[in-house]
Amino acid sequence: MRRLAVVAATLGLFAATPAAVTAARAEAGPVAHASCTRAIIGGQSKCIAHGQYCARRYQRDYLRYGFSCSNRDSQGRWHLR
């Protein structure tokens, strides 16, 4: 009987956990992708990674984080290297 009470209490704790995790995630804000780098580009916080579109006017900001806005595609858009 005592074992059953312990199991029921444990299950009750695990049942409440997903709601608490969801609430904590909502408060934390958006989650960045694992392969991106948090950076301040043009005065705004962004998550940058290789292959993303970029603006040549922020080249100095990209260089600060080890990227370069120097890869141009066939449509004339620039991408990070």
N, C-alpha and C. Protein backbone atom coordinates (compact mmCIF):
# COMPACT_ATOMS: atom_id res chain seq x y z
N MET A 1 0.83 -1.19 0.00
CA MET A 1 0.00 0.00 0.00
C MET A 1 0.87 1.25 0.00
N ARG A 2 1.91 1.24 0.81
CA ARG A 2 2.80 2.40 0.88
C ARG A 2 3.52 2.61 -0.46
N ARG A 3 3.91 1.51 -1.09
CA ARG A 3 4.58 1.60 -2.39
C ARG A 3 3.65 2.25 -3.43
N LEU A 4 2.39 1.91 -3.40
CA LEU A 4 1.42 2.47 -4.32
C LEU A 4 1.29 3.99 -4.11
N ALA A 5 1.33 4.44 -2.88
CA ALA A 5 1.25 5.87 -2.58
C ALA A 5 2.48 6.61 -3.11
N VAL A 6 3.66 5.98 -2.99
CA VAL A 6 4.88 6.60 -3.50
C VAL A 6 4.83 6.71 -5.02
N VAL A 7 4.37 5.65 -5.69
CA VAL A 7 4.27 5.66 -7.15
C VAL A 7 3.27 6.73 -7.60
N ALA A 8 2.14 6.83 -6.92
CA ALA A 8 1.13 7.82 -7.28
C ALA A 8 1.66 9.24 -7.10
N ALA A 9 2.41 9.47 -6.03
CA ALA A 9 2.98 10.80 -5.79
C ALA A 9 4.02 11.13 -6.85
N THR A 10 4.82 10.15 -7.23
CA THR A 10 5.84 10.37 -8.25
C THR A 10 5.20 10.69 -9.59
N LEU A 11 4.17 9.95 -9.95
CA LEU A 11 3.48 10.22 -11.21
C LEU A 11 2.83 11.60 -11.20
N GLY A 12 2.35 12.01 -10.07
CA GLY A 12 1.77 13.35 -9.95
C GLY A 12 2.80 14.43 -10.20
N LEU A 13 4.03 14.22 -9.73
CA LEU A 13 5.09 15.19 -9.97
C LEU A 13 5.46 15.25 -11.45
N PHE A 14 5.54 14.09 -12.09
CA PHE A 14 5.89 14.07 -13.51
C PHE A 14 4.78 14.64 -14.37
N ALA A 15 3.55 14.52 -13.95
CA ALA A 15 2.42 15.05 -14.71
C ALA A 15 2.44 16.58 -14.70
N ALA A 16 2.92 17.19 -13.63
CA ALA A 16 2.96 18.64 -13.53
C ALA A 16 4.17 19.23 -14.26
N THR A 17 5.18 18.43 -14.51
CA THR A 17 6.42 18.93 -15.11
C THR A 17 6.24 19.50 -16.51
N PRO A 18 5.53 18.87 -17.47
CA PRO A 18 5.42 19.45 -18.81
C PRO A 18 4.80 20.84 -18.82
N ALA A 19 3.83 21.09 -17.97
CA ALA A 19 3.22 22.42 -17.91
C ALA A 19 4.22 23.45 -17.42
N ALA A 20 5.03 23.07 -16.44
CA ALA A 20 6.03 24.00 -15.92
C ALA A 20 7.11 24.28 -16.96
N VAL A 21 7.50 23.26 -17.71
CA VAL A 21 8.51 23.45 -18.76
C VAL A 21 7.98 24.34 -19.86
N THR A 22 6.74 24.13 -20.26
CA THR A 22 6.13 24.95 -21.31
C THR A 22 6.05 26.41 -20.87
N ALA A 23 5.68 26.64 -19.63
CA ALA A 23 5.60 28.01 -19.11
C ALA A 23 6.98 28.66 -19.08
N ALA A 24 7.98 27.89 -18.70
CA ALA A 24 9.34 28.44 -18.64
C ALA A 24 9.85 28.78 -20.04
N ARG A 25 9.54 27.95 -21.03
CA ARG A 25 9.96 28.23 -22.40
C ARG A 25 9.28 29.48 -22.95
N ALA A 26 8.02 29.67 -22.62
CA ALA A 26 7.29 30.83 -23.10
C ALA A 26 7.89 32.12 -22.54
N GLU A 27 8.35 32.07 -21.31
CA GLU A 27 8.93 33.26 -20.69
C GLU A 27 10.34 33.54 -21.20
N ALA A 28 11.04 32.50 -21.63
CA ALA A 28 12.43 32.66 -22.06
C ALA A 28 12.54 33.34 -23.41
N GLY A 29 11.50 33.35 -24.22
CA GLY A 29 11.54 33.96 -25.53
C GLY A 29 11.90 32.95 -26.60
N PRO A 30 12.17 33.42 -27.81
CA PRO A 30 12.44 32.50 -28.90
C PRO A 30 13.76 31.76 -28.69
N VAL A 31 13.79 30.55 -29.16
CA VAL A 31 14.98 29.72 -29.03
C VAL A 31 15.76 29.78 -30.32
N ALA A 32 17.05 30.07 -30.24
CA ALA A 32 17.90 30.15 -31.42
C ALA A 32 18.29 28.75 -31.88
N HIS A 33 18.57 28.63 -33.14
CA HIS A 33 19.02 27.36 -33.70
C HIS A 33 20.42 27.05 -33.16
N ALA A 34 20.73 25.79 -33.01
CA ALA A 34 21.98 25.38 -32.40
C ALA A 34 23.21 25.80 -33.20
N SER A 35 23.09 25.95 -34.52
CA SER A 35 24.26 26.25 -35.33
C SER A 35 24.44 27.73 -35.61
N CYS A 36 23.65 28.59 -35.01
CA CYS A 36 23.78 30.02 -35.27
C CYS A 36 24.59 30.71 -34.18
N THR A 37 25.01 31.92 -34.49
CA THR A 37 25.78 32.74 -33.56
C THR A 37 24.98 33.97 -33.21
N ARG A 38 24.78 34.24 -31.93
CA ARG A 38 24.07 35.45 -31.51
C ARG A 38 24.97 36.64 -31.79
N ALA A 39 24.45 37.65 -32.45
CA ALA A 39 25.25 38.80 -32.84
C ALA A 39 24.39 40.06 -32.84
N ILE A 40 25.07 41.20 -32.73
CA ILE A 40 24.41 42.50 -32.86
C ILE A 40 24.77 43.02 -34.25
N ILE A 41 23.79 43.03 -35.15
CA ILE A 41 24.00 43.47 -36.53
C ILE A 41 23.10 44.68 -36.78
N GLY A 42 23.70 45.79 -37.13
CA GLY A 42 22.92 47.00 -37.38
C GLY A 42 22.16 47.47 -36.16
N GLY A 43 22.69 47.18 -34.97
CA GLY A 43 22.04 47.61 -33.73
C GLY A 43 20.95 46.69 -33.24
N GLN A 44 20.71 45.56 -33.95
CA GLN A 44 19.67 44.62 -33.54
C GLN A 44 20.29 43.27 -33.24
N SER A 45 19.73 42.57 -32.27
CA SER A 45 20.20 41.24 -31.92
C SER A 45 19.67 40.24 -32.94
N LYS A 46 20.58 39.45 -33.53
CA LYS A 46 20.21 38.48 -34.55
C LYS A 46 20.95 37.18 -34.32
N CYS A 47 20.45 36.14 -34.93
CA CYS A 47 21.10 34.84 -34.94
C CYS A 47 21.60 34.63 -36.36
N ILE A 48 22.92 34.64 -36.55
CA ILE A 48 23.48 34.55 -37.89
C ILE A 48 24.20 33.22 -38.09
N ALA A 49 24.18 32.72 -39.34
CA ALA A 49 24.83 31.46 -39.68
C ALA A 49 25.22 31.50 -41.16
N HIS A 50 26.11 30.61 -41.54
CA HIS A 50 26.55 30.53 -42.93
C HIS A 50 25.36 30.30 -43.85
N GLY A 51 25.35 30.98 -44.99
CA GLY A 51 24.30 30.80 -45.99
C GLY A 51 23.11 31.72 -45.84
N GLN A 52 22.98 32.41 -44.72
CA GLN A 52 21.84 33.32 -44.55
C GLN A 52 22.03 34.57 -45.38
N TYR A 53 20.90 35.20 -45.74
CA TYR A 53 20.97 36.48 -46.44
C TYR A 53 21.65 37.51 -45.56
N CYS A 54 22.34 38.45 -46.20
CA CYS A 54 23.01 39.50 -45.44
C CYS A 54 22.96 40.81 -46.21
N ALA A 55 23.27 41.90 -45.52
CA ALA A 55 23.30 43.23 -46.12
C ALA A 55 24.75 43.71 -46.13
N ARG A 56 25.22 44.10 -47.29
CA ARG A 56 26.62 44.53 -47.43
C ARG A 56 26.95 45.71 -46.52
N ARG A 57 25.97 46.54 -46.21
CA ARG A 57 26.25 47.72 -45.39
C ARG A 57 26.65 47.35 -43.96
N TYR A 58 26.38 46.10 -43.54
CA TYR A 58 26.74 45.66 -42.20
C TYR A 58 27.97 44.75 -42.20
N GLN A 59 28.78 44.81 -43.25
CA GLN A 59 29.95 43.95 -43.39
C GLN A 59 30.86 44.03 -42.17
N ARG A 60 31.07 45.21 -41.63
CA ARG A 60 31.94 45.38 -40.46
C ARG A 60 31.40 44.60 -39.26
N ASP A 61 30.07 44.62 -39.08
CA ASP A 61 29.47 43.87 -37.98
C ASP A 61 29.65 42.37 -38.18
N TYR A 62 29.46 41.88 -39.40
CA TYR A 62 29.62 40.45 -39.68
C TYR A 62 31.06 40.01 -39.43
N LEU A 63 32.01 40.82 -39.83
CA LEU A 63 33.42 40.47 -39.64
C LEU A 63 33.76 40.32 -38.16
N ARG A 64 33.12 41.10 -37.31
CA ARG A 64 33.35 41.03 -35.87
C ARG A 64 33.03 39.64 -35.32
N TYR A 65 32.09 38.94 -35.96
CA TYR A 65 31.67 37.62 -35.50
C TYR A 65 32.24 36.49 -36.37
N GLY A 66 33.19 36.81 -37.24
CA GLY A 66 33.85 35.78 -38.04
C GLY A 66 33.13 35.41 -39.32
N PHE A 67 32.21 36.24 -39.79
CA PHE A 67 31.48 35.99 -41.03
C PHE A 67 31.84 37.05 -42.05
N SER A 68 31.49 36.78 -43.30
CA SER A 68 31.71 37.75 -44.36
C SER A 68 30.50 37.75 -45.29
N CYS A 69 30.02 38.92 -45.62
CA CYS A 69 28.88 39.06 -46.53
C CYS A 69 29.46 39.21 -47.95
N SER A 70 29.96 38.10 -48.51
CA SER A 70 30.68 38.19 -49.77
C SER A 70 30.28 37.14 -50.79
N ASN A 71 29.27 36.34 -50.49
CA ASN A 71 28.84 35.29 -51.40
C ASN A 71 27.58 35.74 -52.12
N ARG A 72 27.66 35.99 -53.42
CA ARG A 72 26.52 36.50 -54.19
C ARG A 72 25.92 35.38 -55.02
N ASP A 73 24.59 35.23 -54.98
CA ASP A 73 23.93 34.18 -55.76
C ASP A 73 23.52 34.70 -57.14
N SER A 74 22.89 33.85 -57.94
CA SER A 74 22.55 34.20 -59.33
C SER A 74 21.51 35.31 -59.42
N GLN A 75 20.71 35.52 -58.38
CA GLN A 75 19.72 36.61 -58.38
C GLN A 75 20.28 37.91 -57.82
N GLY A 76 21.54 37.92 -57.46
CA GLY A 76 22.18 39.15 -56.97
C GLY A 76 22.05 39.35 -55.47
N ARG A 77 21.55 38.37 -54.73
CA ARG A 77 21.41 38.49 -53.27
C ARG A 77 22.70 38.02 -52.61
N TRP A 78 23.00 38.65 -51.48
CA TRP A 78 24.23 38.33 -50.75
C TRP A 78 23.94 37.35 -49.63
N HIS A 79 24.92 36.45 -49.37
CA HIS A 79 24.81 35.45 -48.32
C HIS A 79 26.07 35.46 -47.47
N LEU A 80 25.94 35.02 -46.22
CA LEU A 80 27.08 34.97 -45.31
C LEU A 80 27.98 33.78 -45.62
N ARG A 81 29.27 34.01 -45.48
CA ARG A 81 30.29 32.95 -45.58
C ARG A 81 30.92 32.79 -44.24
